[in-house]
Amino acid sequence: MKNNLRVKRAIKNITQAELAALIQVSRQTINTIESGKYVPSTVLALKMANVFGVPVEEVFELEEGD
């Protein structure tokens, strides 16, 4: 799964730690999601999209083979 999390954070000007605090996970969790090593749960993906005020599809995209 591809994600635009780093771009969305930059646009909103928030750090990994700030995003983590907003959605109640660790900064390391945000880092592993951004690097593509971890696919978030539906609930976590929805929380992130809510922080950015966009649909989930603007933060996460399915890739061929997903």
C-alpha atoms as a PDB file:
ATOM      1  CA  MET A   1       0.000   0.000   0.000  1.00  0.00           C
ATOM      2  CA  LYS A   2       1.337   3.399  -0.972  1.00  0.00           C
ATOM      3  CA  ASN A   3       0.846   6.359   1.337  1.00  0.00           C
ATOM      4  CA  ASN A   4       1.155  10.126   1.139  1.00  0.00           C
ATOM      5  CA  LEU A   5       1.508  10.574   4.871  1.00  0.00           C
ATOM      6  CA  ARG A   6       4.816  12.457   4.753  1.00  0.00           C
ATOM      7  CA  VAL A   7       3.398  14.904   2.182  1.00  0.00           C
ATOM      8  CA  LYS A   8       0.195  15.435   4.172  1.00  0.00           C
ATOM      9  CA  ARG A   9       2.239  16.103   7.334  1.00  0.00           C
ATOM     10  CA  ALA A  10       4.414  18.619   5.490  1.00  0.00           C
ATOM     11  CA  ILE A  11       1.373  20.458   4.147  1.00  0.00           C
ATOM     12  CA  LYS A  12      -0.130  20.657   7.640  1.00  0.00           C
ATOM     13  CA  ASN A  13       3.332  21.380   9.113  1.00  0.00           C
ATOM     14  CA  ILE A  14       3.207  18.737  11.847  1.00  0.00           C
ATOM     15  CA  THR A  15       5.891  16.323  13.005  1.00  0.00           C
ATOM     16  CA  GLN A  16       5.613  12.568  13.316  1.00  0.00           C
ATOM     17  CA  ALA A  17       5.430  13.013  17.085  1.00  0.00           C
ATOM     18  CA  GLU A  18       2.598  15.539  16.831  1.00  0.00           C
ATOM     19  CA  LEU A  19       0.596  13.302  14.510  1.00  0.00           C
ATOM     20  CA  ALA A  20       1.235  10.343  16.794  1.00  0.00           C
ATOM     21  CA  ALA A  21      -0.071  12.275  19.793  1.00  0.00           C
ATOM     22  CA  LEU A  22      -3.199  13.322  17.894  1.00  0.00           C
ATOM     23  CA  ILE A  23      -4.116   9.736  17.031  1.00  0.00           C
ATOM     24  CA  GLN A  24      -2.710   8.146  20.201  1.00  0.00           C
ATOM     25  CA  VAL A  25       0.078   5.981  18.775  1.00  0.00           C
ATOM     26  CA  SER A  26       3.858   6.145  19.062  1.00  0.00           C
ATOM     27  CA  ARG A  27       6.057   8.213  16.790  1.00  0.00           C
ATOM     28  CA  GLN A  28       7.693   4.947  15.736  1.00  0.00           C
ATOM     29  CA  THR A  29       4.321   3.714  14.456  1.00  0.00           C
ATOM     30  CA  ILE A  30       4.013   6.792  12.247  1.00  0.00           C
ATOM     31  CA  ASN A  31       7.558   6.245  11.010  1.00  0.00           C
ATOM     32  CA  THR A  32       6.924   2.602  10.075  1.00  0.00           C
ATOM     33  CA  ILE A  33       3.689   3.526   8.274  1.00  0.00           C
ATOM     34  CA  GLU A  34       5.429   6.300   6.325  1.00  0.00           C
ATOM     35  CA  SER A  35       8.251   3.966   5.304  1.00  0.00           C
ATOM     36  CA  GLY A  36       5.771   1.346   4.100  1.00  0.00           C
ATOM     37  CA  LYS A  37       6.848  -1.280   6.624  1.00  0.00           C
ATOM     38  CA  TYR A  38       3.452  -1.328   8.355  1.00  0.00           C
ATOM     39  CA  VAL A  39      -0.087  -1.091   6.998  1.00  0.00           C
ATOM     40  CA  PRO A  40      -2.383   0.646   9.489  1.00  0.00           C
ATOM     41  CA  SER A  41      -5.724  -0.711  10.603  1.00  0.00           C
ATOM     42  CA  THR A  42      -8.848   0.782   9.092  1.00  0.00           C
ATOM     43  CA  VAL A  43      -9.526   2.707  12.295  1.00  0.00           C
ATOM     44  CA  LEU A  44      -6.004   4.144  12.358  1.00  0.00           C
ATOM     45  CA  ALA A  45      -6.167   5.094   8.670  1.00  0.00           C
ATOM     46  CA  LEU A  46      -9.493   6.850   9.264  1.00  0.00           C
ATOM     47  CA  LYS A  47      -8.064   8.748  12.242  1.00  0.00           C
ATOM     48  CA  MET A  48      -5.136   9.956  10.142  1.00  0.00           C
ATOM     49  CA  ALA A  49      -7.381  11.061   7.293  1.00  0.00           C
ATOM     50  CA  ASN A  50      -9.566  12.893   9.811  1.00  0.00           C
ATOM     51  CA  VAL A  51      -6.551  14.818  11.158  1.00  0.00           C
ATOM     52  CA  PHE A  52      -5.780  16.020   7.628  1.00  0.00           C
ATOM     53  CA  GLY A  53      -9.426  16.625   6.764  1.00  0.00           C
ATOM     54  CA  VAL A  54      -9.288  14.476   3.642  1.00  0.00           C
ATOM     55  CA  PRO A  55     -10.738  11.137   2.493  1.00  0.00           C
ATOM     56  CA  VAL A  56      -8.671   8.049   3.303  1.00  0.00           C
ATOM     57  CA  GLU A  57      -7.959   7.626  -0.409  1.00  0.00           C
ATOM     58  CA  GLU A  58      -5.930  10.851  -0.379  1.00  0.00           C
ATOM     59  CA  VAL A  59      -3.607   9.448   2.280  1.00  0.00           C
ATOM     60  CA  PHE A  60      -3.481   5.758   1.283  1.00  0.00           C
ATOM     61  CA  GLU A  61      -3.591   4.143  -2.153  1.00  0.00           C
ATOM     62  CA  LEU A  62      -3.777   0.488  -3.111  1.00  0.00           C
ATOM     63  CA  GLU A  63      -0.973  -0.701  -5.339  1.00  0.00           C
ATOM     64  CA  GLU A  64      -1.177  -3.488  -7.860  1.00  0.00           C
ATOM     65  CA  GLY A  65      -0.929  -6.746  -5.964  1.00  0.00           C
ATOM     66  CA  ASP A  66      -2.462  -5.427  -2.725  1.00  0.00           C
END
